[in-house]
Amino acid sequence: MATWITGTQENGAQEKDKRFEAVQAVKELARERMGAPPAAKVVPHKKKDPAKHKPTLGRLLGEAE
């Protein structure tokens, strides 16, 4: 029968205690009070150039069909 010691893992290494971080605590309180922040929005690339030429009449008529 194996004896288990609290605070250790199966391989014998002890778990490291997590330090208190004020930023983490403030964020947790804000999420409780105000709710989660909105999801990130997709931003189009600024460097990507739009089409340089207008579509031709043939392409416009072909797309309509």
PDB file of N, CA and C in Angstrom:
ATOM      1  N   MET A   1       0.848  -1.172   0.000  1.00  0.00           N
ATOM      2  CA  MET A   1       0.000   0.000   0.000  1.00  0.00           C
ATOM      3  C   MET A   1       0.897   1.240   0.000  1.00  0.00           C
ATOM      4  N   ALA A   2       0.590   2.162  -0.885  1.00  0.00           N
ATOM      5  CA  ALA A   2       1.401   3.370  -1.003  1.00  0.00           C
ATOM      6  C   ALA A   2       0.869   4.441  -0.065  1.00  0.00           C
ATOM      7  N   THR A   3       1.792   5.165   0.542  1.00  0.00           N
ATOM      8  CA  THR A   3       1.371   6.277   1.393  1.00  0.00           C
ATOM      9  C   THR A   3       1.468   7.554   0.584  1.00  0.00           C
ATOM     10  N   TRP A   4       0.471   8.373   0.695  1.00  0.00           N
ATOM     11  CA  TRP A   4       0.424   9.617  -0.067  1.00  0.00           C
ATOM     12  C   TRP A   4       0.678  10.794   0.851  1.00  0.00           C
ATOM     13  N   ILE A   5       1.560  11.660   0.427  1.00  0.00           N
ATOM     14  CA  ILE A   5       1.867  12.862   1.184  1.00  0.00           C
ATOM     15  C   ILE A   5       1.275  14.040   0.431  1.00  0.00           C
ATOM     16  N   THR A   6       0.558  14.907   1.121  1.00  0.00           N
ATOM     17  CA  THR A   6      -0.055  16.042   0.439  1.00  0.00           C
ATOM     18  C   THR A   6       1.021  17.004  -0.027  1.00  0.00           C
ATOM     19  N   GLY A   7       0.825  17.593  -1.197  1.00  0.00           N
ATOM     20  CA  GLY A   7       1.777  18.560  -1.735  1.00  0.00           C
ATOM     21  C   GLY A   7       2.843  17.927  -2.599  1.00  0.00           C
ATOM     22  N   THR A   8       2.729  16.646  -2.889  1.00  0.00           N
ATOM     23  CA  THR A   8       3.714  16.001  -3.764  1.00  0.00           C
ATOM     24  C   THR A   8       3.002  15.395  -4.953  1.00  0.00           C
ATOM     25  N   GLN A   9       3.753  15.194  -6.007  1.00  0.00           N
ATOM     26  CA  GLN A   9       3.225  14.555  -7.200  1.00  0.00           C
ATOM     27  C   GLN A   9       3.661  13.095  -7.194  1.00  0.00           C
ATOM     28  N   GLU A  10       3.238  12.320  -8.183  1.00  0.00           N
ATOM     29  CA  GLU A  10       3.560  10.894  -8.239  1.00  0.00           C
ATOM     30  C   GLU A  10       5.063  10.650  -8.355  1.00  0.00           C
ATOM     31  N   ASN A  11       5.780  11.522  -9.064  1.00  0.00           N
ATOM     32  CA  ASN A  11       7.205  11.300  -9.261  1.00  0.00           C
ATOM     33  C   ASN A  11       8.038  11.790  -8.078  1.00  0.00           C
ATOM     34  N   GLY A  12       7.415  12.306  -7.032  1.00  0.00           N
ATOM     35  CA  GLY A  12       8.138  12.725  -5.844  1.00  0.00           C
ATOM     36  C   GLY A  12       8.474  14.195  -5.792  1.00  0.00           C
ATOM     37  N   ALA A  13       8.268  14.938  -6.883  1.00  0.00           N
ATOM     38  CA  ALA A  13       8.577  16.366  -6.891  1.00  0.00           C
ATOM     39  C   ALA A  13       7.469  17.125  -6.170  1.00  0.00           C
ATOM     40  N   GLN A  14       7.848  18.093  -5.375  1.00  0.00           N
ATOM     41  CA  GLN A  14       6.857  18.884  -4.663  1.00  0.00           C
ATOM     42  C   GLN A  14       6.279  19.957  -5.566  1.00  0.00           C
ATOM     43  N   GLU A  15       4.990  20.258  -5.367  1.00  0.00           N
ATOM     44  CA  GLU A  15       4.346  21.318  -6.128  1.00  0.00           C
ATOM     45  C   GLU A  15       4.807  22.659  -5.585  1.00  0.00           C
ATOM     46  N   LYS A  16       5.047  23.594  -6.480  1.00  0.00           N
ATOM     47  CA  LYS A  16       5.506  24.921  -6.083  1.00  0.00           C
ATOM     48  C   LYS A  16       4.293  25.770  -5.696  1.00  0.00           C
ATOM     49  N   ASP A  17       4.380  26.450  -4.556  1.00  0.00           N
ATOM     50  CA  ASP A  17       3.298  27.335  -4.133  1.00  0.00           C
ATOM     51  C   ASP A  17       3.229  28.528  -5.079  1.00  0.00           C
ATOM     52  N   LYS A  18       1.994  28.912  -5.435  1.00  0.00           N
ATOM     53  CA  LYS A  18       1.825  30.056  -6.336  1.00  0.00           C
ATOM     54  C   LYS A  18       1.904  31.348  -5.540  1.00  0.00           C
ATOM     55  N   ARG A  19       2.665  32.310  -6.071  1.00  0.00           N
ATOM     56  CA  ARG A  19       2.796  33.610  -5.424  1.00  0.00           C
ATOM     57  C   ARG A  19       1.529  34.422  -5.646  1.00  0.00           C
ATOM     58  N   PHE A  20       1.245  35.309  -4.714  1.00  0.00           N
ATOM     59  CA  PHE A  20       0.106  36.213  -4.855  1.00  0.00           C
ATOM     60  C   PHE A  20       0.469  37.302  -5.852  1.00  0.00           C
ATOM     61  N   GLU A  21      -0.362  37.485  -6.831  1.00  0.00           N
ATOM     62  CA  GLU A  21      -0.155  38.546  -7.817  1.00  0.00           C
ATOM     63  C   GLU A  21      -1.363  39.474  -7.755  1.00  0.00           C
ATOM     64  N   ALA A  22      -1.108  40.735  -7.481  1.00  0.00           N
ATOM     65  CA  ALA A  22      -2.187  41.713  -7.330  1.00  0.00           C
ATOM     66  C   ALA A  22      -2.960  41.881  -8.635  1.00  0.00           C
ATOM     67  N   VAL A  23      -2.262  41.851  -9.756  1.00  0.00           N
ATOM     68  CA  VAL A  23      -2.922  42.036 -11.056  1.00  0.00           C
ATOM     69  C   VAL A  23      -3.958  40.931 -11.267  1.00  0.00           C
ATOM     70  N   GLN A  24      -3.561  39.701 -10.954  1.00  0.00           N
ATOM     71  CA  GLN A  24      -4.475  38.568 -11.133  1.00  0.00           C
ATOM     72  C   GLN A  24      -5.704  38.718 -10.240  1.00  0.00           C
ATOM     73  N   ALA A  25      -5.501  39.148  -9.006  1.00  0.00           N
ATOM     74  CA  ALA A  25      -6.620  39.317  -8.080  1.00  0.00           C
ATOM     75  C   ALA A  25      -7.571  40.417  -8.541  1.00  0.00           C
ATOM     76  N   VAL A  26      -7.028  41.515  -9.034  1.00  0.00           N
ATOM     77  CA  VAL A  26      -7.864  42.625  -9.508  1.00  0.00           C
ATOM     78  C   VAL A  26      -8.680  42.193 -10.718  1.00  0.00           C
ATOM     79  N   LYS A  27      -8.053  41.439 -11.628  1.00  0.00           N
ATOM     80  CA  LYS A  27      -8.779  40.967 -12.817  1.00  0.00           C
ATOM     81  C   LYS A  27      -9.909  40.014 -12.435  1.00  0.00           C
ATOM     82  N   GLU A  28      -9.659  39.140 -11.465  1.00  0.00           N
ATOM     83  CA  GLU A  28     -10.703  38.214 -11.036  1.00  0.00           C
ATOM     84  C   GLU A  28     -11.890  38.967 -10.441  1.00  0.00           C
ATOM     85  N   LEU A  29     -11.620  39.977  -9.613  1.00  0.00           N
ATOM     86  CA  LEU A  29     -12.703  40.767  -9.029  1.00  0.00           C
ATOM     87  C   LEU A  29     -13.482  41.523 -10.098  1.00  0.00           C
ATOM     88  N   ALA A  30     -12.775  42.050 -11.089  1.00  0.00           N
ATOM     89  CA  ALA A  30     -13.453  42.793 -12.156  1.00  0.00           C
ATOM     90  C   ALA A  30     -14.348  41.870 -12.975  1.00  0.00           C
ATOM     91  N   ARG A  31     -13.885  40.641 -13.221  1.00  0.00           N
ATOM     92  CA  ARG A  31     -14.718  39.700 -13.979  1.00  0.00           C
ATOM     93  C   ARG A  31     -15.975  39.330 -13.199  1.00  0.00           C
ATOM     94  N   GLU A  32     -15.852  39.206 -11.885  1.00  0.00           N
ATOM     95  CA  GLU A  32     -17.025  38.892 -11.064  1.00  0.00           C
ATOM     96  C   GLU A  32     -18.043  40.022 -11.099  1.00  0.00           C
ATOM     97  N   ARG A  33     -17.564  41.263 -11.002  1.00  0.00           N
ATOM     98  CA  ARG A  33     -18.476  42.409 -10.905  1.00  0.00           C
ATOM     99  C   ARG A  33     -19.037  42.835 -12.257  1.00  0.00           C
ATOM    100  N   MET A  34     -18.179  42.911 -13.263  1.00  0.00           N
ATOM    101  CA  MET A  34     -18.598  43.474 -14.553  1.00  0.00           C
ATOM    102  C   MET A  34     -18.847  42.411 -15.608  1.00  0.00           C
ATOM    103  N   GLY A  35     -18.381  41.215 -15.414  1.00  0.00           N
ATOM    104  CA  GLY A  35     -18.526  40.171 -16.414  1.00  0.00           C
ATOM    105  C   GLY A  35     -17.272  40.096 -17.276  1.00  0.00           C
ATOM    106  N   ALA A  36     -17.233  39.114 -18.140  1.00  0.00           N
ATOM    107  CA  ALA A  36     -16.059  38.897 -18.988  1.00  0.00           C
ATOM    108  C   ALA A  36     -15.954  39.999 -20.040  1.00  0.00           C
ATOM    109  N   PRO A  37     -14.746  40.335 -20.472  1.00  0.00           N
ATOM    110  CA  PRO A  37     -14.604  41.342 -21.521  1.00  0.00           C
ATOM    111  C   PRO A  37     -15.136  40.809 -22.845  1.00  0.00           C
ATOM    112  N   PRO A  38     -15.525  41.679 -23.781  1.00  0.00           N
ATOM    113  CA  PRO A  38     -16.045  41.209 -25.063  1.00  0.00           C
ATOM    114  C   PRO A  38     -14.964  40.485 -25.859  1.00  0.00           C
ATOM    115  N   ALA A  39     -15.396  39.627 -26.753  1.00  0.00           N
ATOM    116  CA  ALA A  39     -14.462  38.865 -27.579  1.00  0.00           C
ATOM    117  C   ALA A  39     -13.700  39.801 -28.507  1.00  0.00           C
ATOM    118  N   ALA A  40     -12.512  39.379 -28.883  1.00  0.00           N
ATOM    119  CA  ALA A  40     -11.673  40.192 -29.758  1.00  0.00           C
ATOM    120  C   ALA A  40     -12.291  40.272 -31.151  1.00  0.00           C
ATOM    121  N   LYS A  41     -12.118  41.406 -31.802  1.00  0.00           N
ATOM    122  CA  LYS A  41     -12.647  41.604 -33.146  1.00  0.00           C
ATOM    123  C   LYS A  41     -11.536  41.415 -34.167  1.00  0.00           C
ATOM    124  N   VAL A  42     -11.898  40.925 -35.346  1.00  0.00           N
ATOM    125  CA  VAL A  42     -10.924  40.731 -36.413  1.00  0.00           C
ATOM    126  C   VAL A  42     -10.684  42.080 -37.091  1.00  0.00           C
ATOM    127  N   VAL A  43      -9.422  42.479 -37.162  1.00  0.00           N
ATOM    128  CA  VAL A  43      -9.053  43.752 -37.776  1.00  0.00           C
ATOM    129  C   VAL A  43      -8.452  43.466 -39.139  1.00  0.00           C
ATOM    130  N   PRO A  44      -8.978  44.067 -40.213  1.00  0.00           N
ATOM    131  CA  PRO A  44      -8.389  43.816 -41.541  1.00  0.00           C
ATOM    132  C   PRO A  44      -6.987  44.410 -41.639  1.00  0.00           C
ATOM    133  N   HIS A  45      -6.180  43.820 -42.509  1.00  0.00           N
ATOM    134  CA  HIS A  45      -4.807  44.294 -42.701  1.00  0.00           C
ATOM    135  C   HIS A  45      -4.812  45.682 -43.332  1.00  0.00           C
ATOM    136  N   LYS A  46      -4.002  46.580 -42.777  1.00  0.00           N
ATOM    137  CA  LYS A  46      -3.908  47.927 -43.329  1.00  0.00           C
ATOM    138  C   LYS A  46      -3.003  47.946 -44.553  1.00  0.00           C
ATOM    139  N   LYS A  47      -2.050  47.034 -44.602  1.00  0.00           N
ATOM    140  CA  LYS A  47      -1.081  47.028 -45.695  1.00  0.00           C
ATOM    141  C   LYS A  47      -1.667  46.448 -46.985  1.00  0.00           C
ATOM    142  N   LYS A  48      -2.685  45.618 -46.862  1.00  0.00           N
ATOM    143  CA  LYS A  48      -3.245  44.970 -48.047  1.00  0.00           C
ATOM    144  C   LYS A  48      -3.962  46.013 -48.909  1.00  0.00           C
ATOM    145  N   ASP A  49      -3.531  46.114 -50.163  1.00  0.00           N
ATOM    146  CA  ASP A  49      -4.094  47.097 -51.080  1.00  0.00           C
ATOM    147  C   ASP A  49      -5.415  46.597 -51.665  1.00  0.00           C
ATOM    148  N   PRO A  50      -6.383  47.483 -51.850  1.00  0.00           N
ATOM    149  CA  PRO A  50      -7.618  47.078 -52.519  1.00  0.00           C
ATOM    150  C   PRO A  50      -7.352  46.862 -54.008  1.00  0.00           C
ATOM    151  N   ALA A  51      -8.351  46.380 -54.710  1.00  0.00           N
ATOM    152  CA  ALA A  51      -8.202  46.136 -56.144  1.00  0.00           C
ATOM    153  C   ALA A  51      -7.856  47.444 -56.852  1.00  0.00           C
ATOM    154  N   LYS A  52      -6.885  47.383 -57.756  1.00  0.00           N
ATOM    155  CA  LYS A  52      -6.426  48.599 -58.426  1.00  0.00           C
ATOM    156  C   LYS A  52      -7.316  48.977 -59.610  1.00  0.00           C
ATOM    157  N   HIS A  53      -7.993  47.996 -60.165  1.00  0.00           N
ATOM    158  CA  HIS A  53      -8.813  48.273 -61.339  1.00  0.00           C
ATOM    159  C   HIS A  53     -10.272  47.947 -61.050  1.00  0.00           C
ATOM    160  N   LYS A  54     -11.151  48.719 -61.670  1.00  0.00           N
ATOM    161  CA  LYS A  54     -12.564  48.429 -61.541  1.00  0.00           C
ATOM    162  C   LYS A  54     -12.867  47.151 -62.303  1.00  0.00           C
ATOM    163  N   PRO A  55     -13.860  46.377 -61.853  1.00  0.00           N
ATOM    164  CA  PRO A  55     -14.221  45.169 -62.614  1.00  0.00           C
ATOM    165  C   PRO A  55     -14.802  45.552 -63.970  1.00  0.00           C
ATOM    166  N   THR A  56     -14.499  44.753 -64.978  1.00  0.00           N
ATOM    167  CA  THR A  56     -14.972  45.034 -66.335  1.00  0.00           C
ATOM    168  C   THR A  56     -16.454  44.686 -66.449  1.00  0.00           C
ATOM    169  N   LEU A  57     -17.056  45.156 -67.502  1.00  0.00           N
ATOM    170  CA  LEU A  57     -18.473  44.902 -67.737  1.00  0.00           C
ATOM    171  C   LEU A  57     -18.723  43.402 -67.867  1.00  0.00           C
ATOM    172  N   GLY A  58     -17.799  42.696 -68.507  1.00  0.00           N
ATOM    173  CA  GLY A  58     -17.947  41.246 -68.665  1.00  0.00           C
ATOM    174  C   GLY A  58     -17.963  40.530 -67.316  1.00  0.00           C
ATOM    175  N   ARG A  59     -17.101  40.943 -66.415  1.00  0.00           N
ATOM    176  CA  ARG A  59     -17.077  40.310 -65.085  1.00  0.00           C
ATOM    177  C   ARG A  59     -18.338  40.645 -64.287  1.00  0.00           C
ATOM    178  N   LEU A  60     -18.807  41.883 -64.398  1.00  0.00           N
ATOM    179  CA  LEU A  60     -20.021  42.266 -63.693  1.00  0.00           C
ATOM    180  C   LEU A  60     -21.228  41.467 -64.175  1.00  0.00           C
ATOM    181  N   LEU A  61     -21.314  41.286 -65.493  1.00  0.00           N
ATOM    182  CA  LEU A  61     -22.426  40.519 -66.059  1.00  0.00           C
ATOM    183  C   LEU A  61     -22.290  39.029 -65.726  1.00  0.00           C
ATOM    184  N   GLY A  62     -21.050  38.539 -65.683  1.00  0.00           N
ATOM    185  CA  GLY A  62     -20.817  37.125 -65.352  1.00  0.00           C
ATOM    186  C   GLY A  62     -21.155  36.796 -63.901  1.00  0.00           C
ATOM    187  N   GLU A  63     -20.914  37.743 -62.988  1.00  0.00           N
ATOM    188  CA  GLU A  63     -21.221  37.517 -61.589  1.00  0.00           C
ATOM    189  C   GLU A  63     -22.724  37.533 -61.341  1.00  0.00           C
ATOM    190  N   ALA A  64     -23.461  38.272 -62.115  1.00  0.00           N
ATOM    191  CA  ALA A  64     -24.904  38.391 -61.910  1.00  0.00           C
ATOM    192  C   ALA A  64     -25.614  37.089 -62.231  1.00  0.00           C
ATOM    193  N   GLU A  65     -25.047  36.288 -63.088  1.00  0.00           N
ATOM    194  CA  GLU A  65     -25.724  35.043 -63.490  1.00  0.00           C
ATOM    195  C   GLU A  65     -25.523  33.925 -62.543  1.00  0.00           C
TER     196      GLU A  65
END
